[in-house]
Amino acid sequence: MLDNGTLPTLGRKRRPHFHAVAASAAMTILAAVLWLSTTVHPGPAMHDAALFAHLAFLTLGFGAVLATEYSFVLWALGRSTFADAVASATRLHVPIWLGLTGLVASGALLSPDLTSGTTILKLVLVGGLTLNGVQAGALTGRLSGAGEPPPARLLLRGAATSAISQVCWWGAVVIGFLHANR
């Protein structure tokens, strides 16, 4: 492991189309889970277990996202280095993706109402979050080699990535809360 918390690539570089393939695969998986949600009809006990899992995965994924954001706030306030913030983001990719994956899987067992406009909006937010996450992985790789101070264009891309992430996560959380309380 390198000092910044990343694994060495050992001379292998990802091909330029890797992220496009990853994004396509992620959207295909989301579509498959959406289809699965229309064919599986869990009983009350399974629904309750899925709801608990959904909340646990929300805590894991969104908590890791907020910790990532916090590390960059510390850098912006001069309380940590840029390299520390990027290393933190790199380490938190796994819990973010585990949380998002668990949310999608458990959400399929919550009998989503696919005729509801708010459910469709939540699905769009989750799709946007997923695509944003794929490109965030690419961005983190570029940021780790950027040096300090990082180029303005990468900082702008990072700010846009953060804003999209926050809108999607908070939007999905609010919709989930509203649906749970009807």
N, C-alpha and C. Protein backbone atom coordinates (compact mmCIF):
# COMPACT_ATOMS: atom_id res chain seq x y z
N MET A 1 0.85 -1.17 0.00
CA MET A 1 0.00 0.00 0.00
C MET A 1 0.90 1.23 0.00
N LEU A 2 0.51 2.22 -0.75
CA LEU A 2 1.26 3.46 -0.83
C LEU A 2 0.94 4.35 0.36
N ASP A 3 1.76 5.39 0.57
CA ASP A 3 1.55 6.30 1.70
C ASP A 3 0.20 6.99 1.67
N ASN A 4 -0.38 7.16 0.47
CA ASN A 4 -1.65 7.87 0.38
C ASN A 4 -2.85 6.94 0.56
N GLY A 5 -2.61 5.68 0.91
CA GLY A 5 -3.70 4.75 1.17
C GLY A 5 -4.21 4.03 -0.05
N THR A 6 -3.55 4.20 -1.20
CA THR A 6 -3.99 3.54 -2.42
C THR A 6 -3.11 2.33 -2.69
N LEU A 7 -3.62 1.42 -3.48
CA LEU A 7 -2.84 0.26 -3.88
C LEU A 7 -2.05 0.61 -5.13
N PRO A 8 -0.81 0.13 -5.23
CA PRO A 8 -0.03 0.42 -6.43
C PRO A 8 -0.62 -0.30 -7.63
N THR A 9 -0.46 0.29 -8.81
CA THR A 9 -1.01 -0.31 -10.03
C THR A 9 -0.05 -1.31 -10.65
N LEU A 10 1.20 -1.36 -10.18
CA LEU A 10 2.20 -2.28 -10.68
C LEU A 10 2.36 -2.19 -12.19
N GLY A 11 2.39 -0.98 -12.68
CA GLY A 11 2.63 -0.77 -14.10
C GLY A 11 1.41 -0.90 -14.98
N ARG A 12 0.29 -1.31 -14.43
CA ARG A 12 -0.92 -1.43 -15.23
C ARG A 12 -1.71 -0.15 -15.14
N LYS A 13 -2.12 0.32 -16.27
CA LYS A 13 -3.00 1.49 -16.28
C LYS A 13 -4.35 1.04 -16.84
N ARG A 14 -5.38 1.63 -16.32
CA ARG A 14 -6.71 1.31 -16.84
C ARG A 14 -6.85 1.86 -18.24
N ARG A 15 -7.53 1.11 -19.04
CA ARG A 15 -7.76 1.57 -20.40
C ARG A 15 -8.74 2.72 -20.38
N PRO A 16 -8.66 3.61 -21.38
CA PRO A 16 -9.54 4.80 -21.38
C PRO A 16 -11.02 4.45 -21.33
N HIS A 17 -11.41 3.31 -21.86
CA HIS A 17 -12.84 2.98 -21.90
C HIS A 17 -13.31 2.26 -20.64
N PHE A 18 -12.45 2.05 -19.66
CA PHE A 18 -12.82 1.33 -18.45
C PHE A 18 -14.03 1.96 -17.77
N HIS A 19 -14.02 3.27 -17.62
CA HIS A 19 -15.10 3.94 -16.90
C HIS A 19 -16.41 3.90 -17.68
N ALA A 20 -16.33 3.93 -19.00
CA ALA A 20 -17.55 3.81 -19.81
C ALA A 20 -18.14 2.41 -19.65
N VAL A 21 -17.29 1.40 -19.63
CA VAL A 21 -17.76 0.03 -19.42
C VAL A 21 -18.34 -0.11 -18.01
N ALA A 22 -17.66 0.46 -17.03
CA ALA A 22 -18.15 0.40 -15.64
C ALA A 22 -19.51 1.09 -15.51
N ALA A 23 -19.67 2.24 -16.15
CA ALA A 23 -20.95 2.96 -16.10
C ALA A 23 -22.05 2.14 -16.77
N SER A 24 -21.74 1.55 -17.92
CA SER A 24 -22.73 0.72 -18.62
C SER A 24 -23.12 -0.49 -17.78
N ALA A 25 -22.13 -1.13 -17.18
CA ALA A 25 -22.41 -2.29 -16.33
C ALA A 25 -23.26 -1.90 -15.13
N ALA A 26 -22.94 -0.78 -14.52
CA ALA A 26 -23.70 -0.32 -13.36
C ALA A 26 -25.16 -0.04 -13.72
N MET A 27 -25.38 0.60 -14.86
CA MET A 27 -26.76 0.90 -15.26
C MET A 27 -27.51 -0.37 -15.64
N THR A 28 -26.81 -1.34 -16.22
CA THR A 28 -27.43 -2.63 -16.54
C THR A 28 -27.85 -3.35 -15.26
N ILE A 29 -26.99 -3.31 -14.26
CA ILE A 29 -27.32 -3.93 -12.98
C ILE A 29 -28.51 -3.23 -12.33
N LEU A 30 -28.54 -1.91 -12.38
CA LEU A 30 -29.69 -1.17 -11.83
C LEU A 30 -30.98 -1.57 -12.54
N ALA A 31 -30.92 -1.70 -13.86
CA ALA A 31 -32.11 -2.11 -14.63
C ALA A 31 -32.55 -3.52 -14.23
N ALA A 32 -31.59 -4.42 -14.05
CA ALA A 32 -31.92 -5.79 -13.65
C ALA A 32 -32.56 -5.83 -12.27
N VAL A 33 -32.03 -5.04 -11.34
CA VAL A 33 -32.60 -4.99 -9.99
C VAL A 33 -34.00 -4.37 -10.03
N LEU A 34 -34.18 -3.38 -10.87
CA LEU A 34 -35.50 -2.77 -11.03
C LEU A 34 -36.50 -3.81 -11.54
N TRP A 35 -36.10 -4.59 -12.53
CA TRP A 35 -36.97 -5.65 -13.05
C TRP A 35 -37.25 -6.66 -11.94
N LEU A 36 -36.21 -7.03 -11.19
CA LEU A 36 -36.38 -7.98 -10.10
C LEU A 36 -37.39 -7.48 -9.08
N SER A 37 -37.40 -6.18 -8.83
CA SER A 37 -38.33 -5.63 -7.84
C SER A 37 -39.78 -5.79 -8.26
N THR A 38 -40.02 -5.98 -9.55
CA THR A 38 -41.40 -6.18 -10.02
C THR A 38 -41.82 -7.64 -9.96
N THR A 39 -40.86 -8.54 -9.80
CA THR A 39 -41.19 -9.97 -9.79
C THR A 39 -41.15 -10.59 -8.40
N VAL A 40 -40.46 -9.94 -7.47
CA VAL A 40 -40.34 -10.47 -6.11
C VAL A 40 -41.37 -9.77 -5.22
N HIS A 41 -42.10 -10.57 -4.46
CA HIS A 41 -43.13 -10.00 -3.57
C HIS A 41 -42.89 -10.55 -2.16
N PRO A 42 -42.03 -9.88 -1.40
CA PRO A 42 -41.67 -10.40 -0.07
C PRO A 42 -42.83 -10.27 0.92
N GLY A 43 -42.83 -11.18 1.88
CA GLY A 43 -43.81 -11.11 2.96
C GLY A 43 -43.42 -10.03 3.96
N PRO A 44 -44.26 -9.82 4.97
CA PRO A 44 -44.00 -8.76 5.95
C PRO A 44 -42.65 -8.90 6.67
N ALA A 45 -42.26 -10.11 7.04
CA ALA A 45 -40.99 -10.30 7.76
C ALA A 45 -39.81 -9.94 6.85
N MET A 46 -39.86 -10.37 5.60
CA MET A 46 -38.78 -10.06 4.66
C MET A 46 -38.75 -8.56 4.37
N HIS A 47 -39.92 -7.95 4.28
CA HIS A 47 -39.99 -6.50 4.06
C HIS A 47 -39.32 -5.76 5.21
N ASP A 48 -39.62 -6.18 6.45
CA ASP A 48 -39.01 -5.54 7.62
C ASP A 48 -37.49 -5.73 7.63
N ALA A 49 -37.04 -6.94 7.29
CA ALA A 49 -35.60 -7.20 7.24
C ALA A 49 -34.94 -6.34 6.15
N ALA A 50 -35.61 -6.22 5.01
CA ALA A 50 -35.07 -5.40 3.92
C ALA A 50 -35.03 -3.93 4.32
N LEU A 51 -36.04 -3.48 5.06
CA LEU A 51 -36.04 -2.09 5.51
C LEU A 51 -34.89 -1.83 6.49
N PHE A 52 -34.65 -2.77 7.40
CA PHE A 52 -33.53 -2.63 8.32
C PHE A 52 -32.21 -2.60 7.55
N ALA A 53 -32.06 -3.51 6.60
CA ALA A 53 -30.84 -3.55 5.78
C ALA A 53 -30.69 -2.24 5.00
N HIS A 54 -31.80 -1.73 4.48
CA HIS A 54 -31.77 -0.48 3.72
C HIS A 54 -31.23 0.66 4.59
N LEU A 55 -31.71 0.74 5.82
CA LEU A 55 -31.23 1.78 6.74
C LEU A 55 -29.76 1.57 7.11
N ALA A 56 -29.35 0.32 7.30
CA ALA A 56 -27.94 0.04 7.63
C ALA A 56 -27.03 0.42 6.46
N PHE A 57 -27.44 0.07 5.24
CA PHE A 57 -26.62 0.41 4.07
C PHE A 57 -26.62 1.91 3.80
N LEU A 58 -27.72 2.58 4.13
CA LEU A 58 -27.74 4.04 4.02
C LEU A 58 -26.70 4.65 4.97
N THR A 59 -26.67 4.13 6.19
CA THR A 59 -25.69 4.62 7.17
C THR A 59 -24.27 4.41 6.66
N LEU A 60 -23.99 3.24 6.14
CA LEU A 60 -22.65 2.93 5.64
C LEU A 60 -22.28 3.82 4.45
N GLY A 61 -23.12 3.82 3.42
CA GLY A 61 -22.78 4.54 2.19
C GLY A 61 -22.79 6.05 2.35
N PHE A 62 -23.87 6.58 2.88
CA PHE A 62 -23.99 8.03 3.01
C PHE A 62 -23.03 8.55 4.08
N GLY A 63 -22.82 7.75 5.12
CA GLY A 63 -21.84 8.15 6.13
C GLY A 63 -20.45 8.28 5.54
N ALA A 64 -20.08 7.35 4.68
CA ALA A 64 -18.77 7.42 4.02
C ALA A 64 -18.69 8.61 3.07
N VAL A 65 -19.79 8.91 2.40
CA VAL A 65 -19.83 10.10 1.52
C VAL A 65 -19.61 11.36 2.36
N LEU A 66 -20.31 11.47 3.47
CA LEU A 66 -20.16 12.66 4.32
C LEU A 66 -18.76 12.76 4.91
N ALA A 67 -18.16 11.62 5.24
CA ALA A 67 -16.78 11.64 5.75
C ALA A 67 -15.82 12.11 4.66
N THR A 68 -16.07 11.70 3.42
CA THR A 68 -15.24 12.16 2.30
C THR A 68 -15.37 13.67 2.14
N GLU A 69 -16.59 14.16 2.17
CA GLU A 69 -16.81 15.60 2.04
C GLU A 69 -16.10 16.35 3.18
N TYR A 70 -16.19 15.80 4.37
CA TYR A 70 -15.56 16.43 5.54
C TYR A 70 -14.05 16.53 5.36
N SER A 71 -13.44 15.51 4.79
CA SER A 71 -11.99 15.55 4.61
C SER A 71 -11.59 16.67 3.65
N PHE A 72 -12.42 16.95 2.64
CA PHE A 72 -12.11 18.05 1.73
C PHE A 72 -12.43 19.41 2.36
N VAL A 73 -13.42 19.46 3.24
CA VAL A 73 -13.68 20.70 3.98
C VAL A 73 -12.48 21.03 4.87
N LEU A 74 -11.93 20.01 5.52
CA LEU A 74 -10.74 20.23 6.35
C LEU A 74 -9.59 20.78 5.51
N TRP A 75 -9.41 20.24 4.30
CA TRP A 75 -8.36 20.76 3.41
C TRP A 75 -8.65 22.21 3.04
N ALA A 76 -9.90 22.51 2.68
CA ALA A 76 -10.26 23.88 2.29
C ALA A 76 -10.03 24.87 3.43
N LEU A 77 -10.18 24.41 4.67
CA LEU A 77 -9.97 25.26 5.84
C LEU A 77 -8.50 25.30 6.27
N GLY A 78 -7.64 24.60 5.54
CA GLY A 78 -6.23 24.58 5.87
C GLY A 78 -5.86 23.70 7.04
N ARG A 79 -6.75 22.76 7.40
CA ARG A 79 -6.51 21.91 8.56
C ARG A 79 -5.98 20.54 8.19
N SER A 80 -5.84 20.27 6.89
CA SER A 80 -5.20 19.04 6.42
C SER A 80 -4.61 19.31 5.04
N THR A 81 -3.84 18.38 4.56
CA THR A 81 -3.25 18.55 3.24
C THR A 81 -4.19 18.01 2.18
N PHE A 82 -3.98 18.44 0.96
CA PHE A 82 -4.77 17.94 -0.16
C PHE A 82 -4.54 16.44 -0.32
N ALA A 83 -3.30 16.01 -0.17
CA ALA A 83 -2.98 14.58 -0.29
C ALA A 83 -3.74 13.76 0.75
N ASP A 84 -3.88 14.28 1.97
CA ASP A 84 -4.65 13.59 3.01
C ASP A 84 -6.12 13.48 2.62
N ALA A 85 -6.68 14.55 2.06
CA ALA A 85 -8.09 14.53 1.66
C ALA A 85 -8.31 13.51 0.54
N VAL A 86 -7.42 13.48 -0.43
CA VAL A 86 -7.55 12.53 -1.54
C VAL A 86 -7.37 11.10 -1.04
N ALA A 87 -6.41 10.89 -0.14
CA ALA A 87 -6.21 9.55 0.43
C ALA A 87 -7.45 9.09 1.19
N SER A 88 -8.07 9.99 1.91
CA SER A 88 -9.30 9.66 2.63
C SER A 88 -10.40 9.28 1.65
N ALA A 89 -10.56 10.05 0.59
CA ALA A 89 -11.57 9.74 -0.43
C ALA A 89 -11.30 8.39 -1.06
N THR A 90 -10.04 8.09 -1.32
CA THR A 90 -9.67 6.81 -1.92
C THR A 90 -10.05 5.66 -1.00
N ARG A 91 -9.75 5.79 0.27
CA ARG A 91 -10.08 4.73 1.24
C ARG A 91 -11.58 4.55 1.40
N LEU A 92 -12.35 5.60 1.23
CA LEU A 92 -13.79 5.53 1.48
C LEU A 92 -14.60 5.08 0.27
N HIS A 93 -13.96 4.88 -0.88
CA HIS A 93 -14.71 4.40 -2.05
C HIS A 93 -15.38 3.05 -1.78
N VAL A 94 -14.69 2.14 -1.10
CA VAL A 94 -15.26 0.81 -0.86
C VAL A 94 -16.53 0.89 0.00
N PRO A 95 -16.51 1.55 1.17
CA PRO A 95 -17.77 1.62 1.92
C PRO A 95 -18.88 2.39 1.20
N ILE A 96 -18.51 3.37 0.39
CA ILE A 96 -19.53 4.09 -0.38
C ILE A 96 -20.21 3.12 -1.34
N TRP A 97 -19.41 2.36 -2.08
CA TRP A 97 -19.98 1.43 -3.06
C TRP A 97 -20.72 0.28 -2.39
N LEU A 98 -20.20 -0.22 -1.26
CA LEU A 98 -20.93 -1.26 -0.53
C LEU A 98 -22.28 -0.74 -0.06
N GLY A 99 -22.30 0.48 0.45
CA GLY A 99 -23.55 1.07 0.89
C GLY A 99 -24.54 1.24 -0.25
N LEU A 100 -24.08 1.77 -1.36
CA LEU A 100 -24.97 1.98 -2.51
C LEU A 100 -25.47 0.64 -3.05
N THR A 101 -24.58 -0.34 -3.16
CA THR A 101 -24.99 -1.66 -3.65
C THR A 101 -26.03 -2.29 -2.72
N GLY A 102 -25.79 -2.20 -1.42
CA GLY A 102 -26.75 -2.73 -0.46
C GLY A 102 -28.08 -2.01 -0.50
N LEU A 103 -28.04 -0.69 -0.70
CA LEU A 103 -29.29 0.08 -0.82
C LEU A 103 -30.10 -0.38 -2.02
N VAL A 104 -29.43 -0.58 -3.14
CA VAL A 104 -30.13 -1.00 -4.35
C VAL A 104 -30.72 -2.40 -4.15
N ALA A 105 -29.92 -3.32 -3.61
CA ALA A 105 -30.40 -4.69 -3.41
C ALA A 105 -31.56 -4.74 -2.42
N SER A 106 -31.42 -4.07 -1.29
CA SER A 106 -32.49 -4.10 -0.30
C SER A 106 -33.71 -3.32 -0.79
N GLY A 107 -33.49 -2.28 -1.56
CA GLY A 107 -34.61 -1.50 -2.10
C GLY A 107 -35.50 -2.32 -3.02
N ALA A 108 -34.91 -3.30 -3.69
CA ALA A 108 -35.70 -4.17 -4.57
C ALA A 108 -36.72 -4.98 -3.78
N LEU A 109 -36.44 -5.21 -2.50
CA LEU A 109 -37.34 -5.99 -1.65
C LEU A 109 -38.35 -5.14 -0.89
N LEU A 110 -38.34 -3.84 -1.15
CA LEU A 110 -39.26 -2.94 -0.45
C LEU A 110 -40.51 -2.63 -1.26
N SER A 111 -40.76 -3.40 -2.29
CA SER A 111 -41.95 -3.25 -3.13
C SER A 111 -42.15 -1.81 -3.60
N PRO A 112 -41.17 -1.26 -4.34
CA PRO A 112 -41.32 0.13 -4.79
C PRO A 112 -42.51 0.29 -5.73
N ASP A 113 -43.22 1.39 -5.58
CA ASP A 113 -44.37 1.70 -6.44
C ASP A 113 -43.85 2.40 -7.69
N LEU A 114 -43.69 1.63 -8.76
CA LEU A 114 -43.09 2.17 -9.98
C LEU A 114 -44.05 3.04 -10.78
N THR A 115 -45.27 3.23 -10.27
CA THR A 115 -46.20 4.17 -10.91
C THR A 115 -46.15 5.54 -10.24
N SER A 116 -45.43 5.64 -9.14
CA SER A 116 -45.34 6.89 -8.39
C SER A 116 -44.26 7.79 -8.97
N GLY A 117 -44.60 9.05 -9.14
CA GLY A 117 -43.63 10.01 -9.66
C GLY A 117 -42.44 10.19 -8.74
N THR A 118 -42.67 10.15 -7.42
CA THR A 118 -41.54 10.32 -6.50
C THR A 118 -40.62 9.10 -6.52
N THR A 119 -41.20 7.91 -6.71
CA THR A 119 -40.36 6.71 -6.83
C THR A 119 -39.51 6.79 -8.08
N ILE A 120 -40.10 7.22 -9.17
CA ILE A 120 -39.34 7.37 -10.42
C ILE A 120 -38.24 8.41 -10.23
N LEU A 121 -38.55 9.51 -9.56
CA LEU A 121 -37.52 10.52 -9.28
C LEU A 121 -36.40 9.92 -8.44
N LYS A 122 -36.75 9.12 -7.44
CA LYS A 122 -35.72 8.48 -6.61
C LYS A 122 -34.85 7.56 -7.45
N LEU A 123 -35.45 6.82 -8.37
CA LEU A 123 -34.68 5.94 -9.25
C LEU A 123 -33.74 6.74 -10.14
N VAL A 124 -34.20 7.88 -10.62
CA VAL A 124 -33.34 8.76 -11.43
C VAL A 124 -32.18 9.27 -10.57
N LEU A 125 -32.46 9.64 -9.33
CA LEU A 125 -31.41 10.10 -8.42
C LEU A 125 -30.39 8.99 -8.15
N VAL A 126 -30.86 7.77 -7.97
CA VAL A 126 -29.95 6.64 -7.74
C VAL A 126 -29.11 6.38 -8.99
N GLY A 127 -29.72 6.46 -10.16
CA GLY A 127 -28.96 6.30 -11.40
C GLY A 127 -27.91 7.39 -11.55
N GLY A 128 -28.30 8.63 -11.25
CA GLY A 128 -27.35 9.74 -11.31
C GLY A 128 -26.23 9.57 -10.30
N LEU A 129 -26.59 9.11 -9.13
CA LEU A 129 -25.60 8.86 -8.08
C LEU A 129 -24.60 7.79 -8.51
N THR A 130 -25.11 6.76 -9.15
CA THR A 130 -24.25 5.67 -9.61
C THR A 130 -23.28 6.15 -10.68
N LEU A 131 -23.79 6.85 -11.68
CA LEU A 131 -22.91 7.36 -12.73
C LEU A 131 -21.91 8.37 -12.17
N ASN A 132 -22.36 9.21 -11.26
CA ASN A 132 -21.47 10.17 -10.62
C ASN A 132 -20.38 9.45 -9.82
N GLY A 133 -20.74 8.35 -9.20
CA GLY A 133 -19.76 7.57 -8.44
C GLY A 133 -18.69 6.96 -9.33
N VAL A 134 -19.08 6.50 -10.51
CA VAL A 134 -18.10 5.95 -11.44
C VAL A 134 -17.10 7.02 -11.84
N GLN A 135 -17.62 8.20 -12.21
CA GLN A 135 -16.69 9.25 -12.62
C GLN A 135 -15.92 9.81 -11.42
N ALA A 136 -16.47 9.72 -10.21
CA ALA A 136 -15.74 10.15 -9.02
C ALA A 136 -14.51 9.28 -8.80
N GLY A 137 -14.63 8.00 -9.12
CA GLY A 137 -13.47 7.11 -9.02
C GLY A 137 -12.36 7.55 -9.97
N ALA A 138 -12.74 7.91 -11.18
CA ALA A 138 -11.75 8.41 -12.15
C ALA A 138 -11.15 9.72 -11.67
N LEU A 139 -11.98 10.58 -11.14
CA LEU A 139 -11.52 11.88 -10.65
C LEU A 139 -10.54 11.71 -9.49
N THR A 140 -10.83 10.80 -8.58
CA THR A 140 -9.94 10.58 -7.45
C THR A 140 -8.56 10.15 -7.93
N GLY A 141 -8.53 9.31 -8.95
CA GLY A 141 -7.25 8.90 -9.52
C GLY A 141 -6.47 10.08 -10.08
N ARG A 142 -7.18 10.98 -10.76
CA ARG A 142 -6.51 12.16 -11.31
C ARG A 142 -6.06 13.11 -10.20
N LEU A 143 -6.89 13.25 -9.17
CA LEU A 143 -6.53 14.13 -8.07
C LEU A 143 -5.31 13.62 -7.30
N SER A 144 -5.18 12.30 -7.20
CA SER A 144 -4.06 11.75 -6.44
C SER A 144 -2.72 12.06 -7.09
N GLY A 145 -2.72 12.31 -8.39
CA GLY A 145 -1.48 12.66 -9.07
C GLY A 145 -1.36 14.13 -9.39
N ALA A 146 -2.27 14.94 -8.87
CA ALA A 146 -2.33 16.35 -9.26
C ALA A 146 -1.32 17.23 -8.55
N GLY A 147 -0.86 16.84 -7.39
CA GLY A 147 0.04 17.71 -6.64
C GLY A 147 -0.73 18.79 -5.91
N GLU A 148 0.03 19.64 -5.22
CA GLU A 148 -0.61 20.71 -4.46
C GLU A 148 0.03 22.04 -4.80
N PRO A 149 -0.69 23.04 -5.19
CA PRO A 149 -2.15 23.08 -5.27
C PRO A 149 -2.64 22.38 -6.53
N PRO A 150 -3.82 21.76 -6.46
CA PRO A 150 -4.36 21.06 -7.62
C PRO A 150 -4.83 22.06 -8.68
N PRO A 151 -4.87 21.63 -9.95
CA PRO A 151 -5.35 22.52 -11.01
C PRO A 151 -6.81 22.93 -10.77
N ALA A 152 -7.14 24.14 -11.16
CA ALA A 152 -8.49 24.68 -10.95
C ALA A 152 -9.54 23.82 -11.63
N ARG A 153 -9.25 23.31 -12.82
CA ARG A 153 -10.26 22.51 -13.53
C ARG A 153 -10.60 21.24 -12.77
N LEU A 154 -9.61 20.63 -12.10
CA LEU A 154 -9.90 19.45 -11.29
C LEU A 154 -10.68 19.82 -10.04
N LEU A 155 -10.38 20.97 -9.46
CA LEU A 155 -11.15 21.42 -8.30
C LEU A 155 -12.60 21.70 -8.68
N LEU A 156 -12.81 22.30 -9.85
CA LEU A 156 -14.19 22.56 -10.31
C LEU A 156 -14.92 21.25 -10.56
N ARG A 157 -14.23 20.30 -11.17
CA ARG A 157 -14.85 18.99 -11.40
C ARG A 157 -15.17 18.32 -10.07
N GLY A 158 -14.27 18.46 -9.10
CA GLY A 158 -14.51 17.90 -7.78
C GLY A 158 -15.70 18.55 -7.09
N ALA A 159 -15.81 19.87 -7.23
CA ALA A 159 -16.95 20.58 -6.63
C ALA A 159 -18.26 20.15 -7.29
N ALA A 160 -18.25 19.99 -8.60
CA ALA A 160 -19.46 19.54 -9.31
C ALA A 160 -19.81 18.11 -8.89
N THR A 161 -18.81 17.26 -8.78
CA THR A 161 -19.03 15.88 -8.34
C THR A 161 -19.65 15.86 -6.95
N SER A 162 -19.12 16.67 -6.06
CA SER A 162 -19.64 16.76 -4.70
C SER A 162 -21.08 17.26 -4.68
N ALA A 163 -21.36 18.30 -5.45
CA ALA A 163 -22.71 18.86 -5.49
C ALA A 163 -23.71 17.84 -6.03
N ILE A 164 -23.35 17.16 -7.11
CA ILE A 164 -24.24 16.13 -7.68
C ILE A 164 -24.47 15.03 -6.66
N SER A 165 -23.41 14.61 -6.00
CA SER A 165 -23.52 13.56 -4.99
C SER A 165 -24.49 13.96 -3.88
N GLN A 166 -24.32 15.16 -3.36
CA GLN A 166 -25.16 15.62 -2.26
C GLN A 166 -26.63 15.73 -2.68
N VAL A 167 -26.87 16.30 -3.85
CA VAL A 167 -28.26 16.42 -4.34
C VAL A 167 -28.89 15.04 -4.48
N CYS A 168 -28.15 14.10 -5.06
CA CYS A 168 -28.71 12.76 -5.27
C CYS A 168 -28.93 12.02 -3.95
N TRP A 169 -27.93 12.03 -3.07
CA TRP A 169 -28.09 11.34 -1.79
C TRP A 169 -29.22 11.94 -0.96
N TRP A 170 -29.19 13.26 -0.77
CA TRP A 170 -30.22 13.90 0.05
C TRP A 170 -31.60 13.77 -0.58
N GLY A 171 -31.68 13.90 -1.89
CA GLY A 171 -32.97 13.75 -2.58
C GLY A 171 -33.55 12.36 -2.36
N ALA A 172 -32.71 11.33 -2.51
CA ALA A 172 -33.18 9.96 -2.31
C ALA A 172 -33.56 9.71 -0.85
N VAL A 173 -32.80 10.27 0.08
CA VAL A 173 -33.12 10.12 1.51
C VAL A 173 -34.47 10.76 1.83
N VAL A 174 -34.70 11.96 1.35
CA VAL A 174 -35.97 12.66 1.62
C VAL A 174 -37.13 11.88 1.02
N ILE A 175 -36.99 11.42 -0.21
CA ILE A 175 -38.07 10.64 -0.83
C ILE A 175 -38.32 9.36 -0.05
N GLY A 176 -37.26 8.67 0.36
CA GLY A 176 -37.41 7.46 1.15
C GLY A 176 -38.12 7.73 2.47
N PHE A 177 -37.76 8.83 3.12
CA PHE A 177 -38.41 9.21 4.37
C PHE A 177 -39.90 9.48 4.15
N LEU A 178 -40.22 10.22 3.09
CA LEU A 178 -41.62 10.54 2.81
C LEU A 178 -42.42 9.28 2.50
N HIS A 179 -41.83 8.35 1.77
CA HIS A 179 -42.53 7.10 1.45
C HIS A 179 -42.71 6.23 2.68
N ALA A 180 -41.74 6.23 3.58
CA ALA A 180 -41.84 5.41 4.79
C ALA A 180 -42.89 5.93 5.75
N ASN A 181 -43.21 7.21 5.65
CA ASN A 181 -44.16 7.82 6.58
C ASN A 181 -45.53 8.07 5.97
N ARG A 182 -45.88 7.33 4.92
CA ARG A 182 -47.23 7.49 4.39
C ARG A 182 -48.13 6.40 4.91
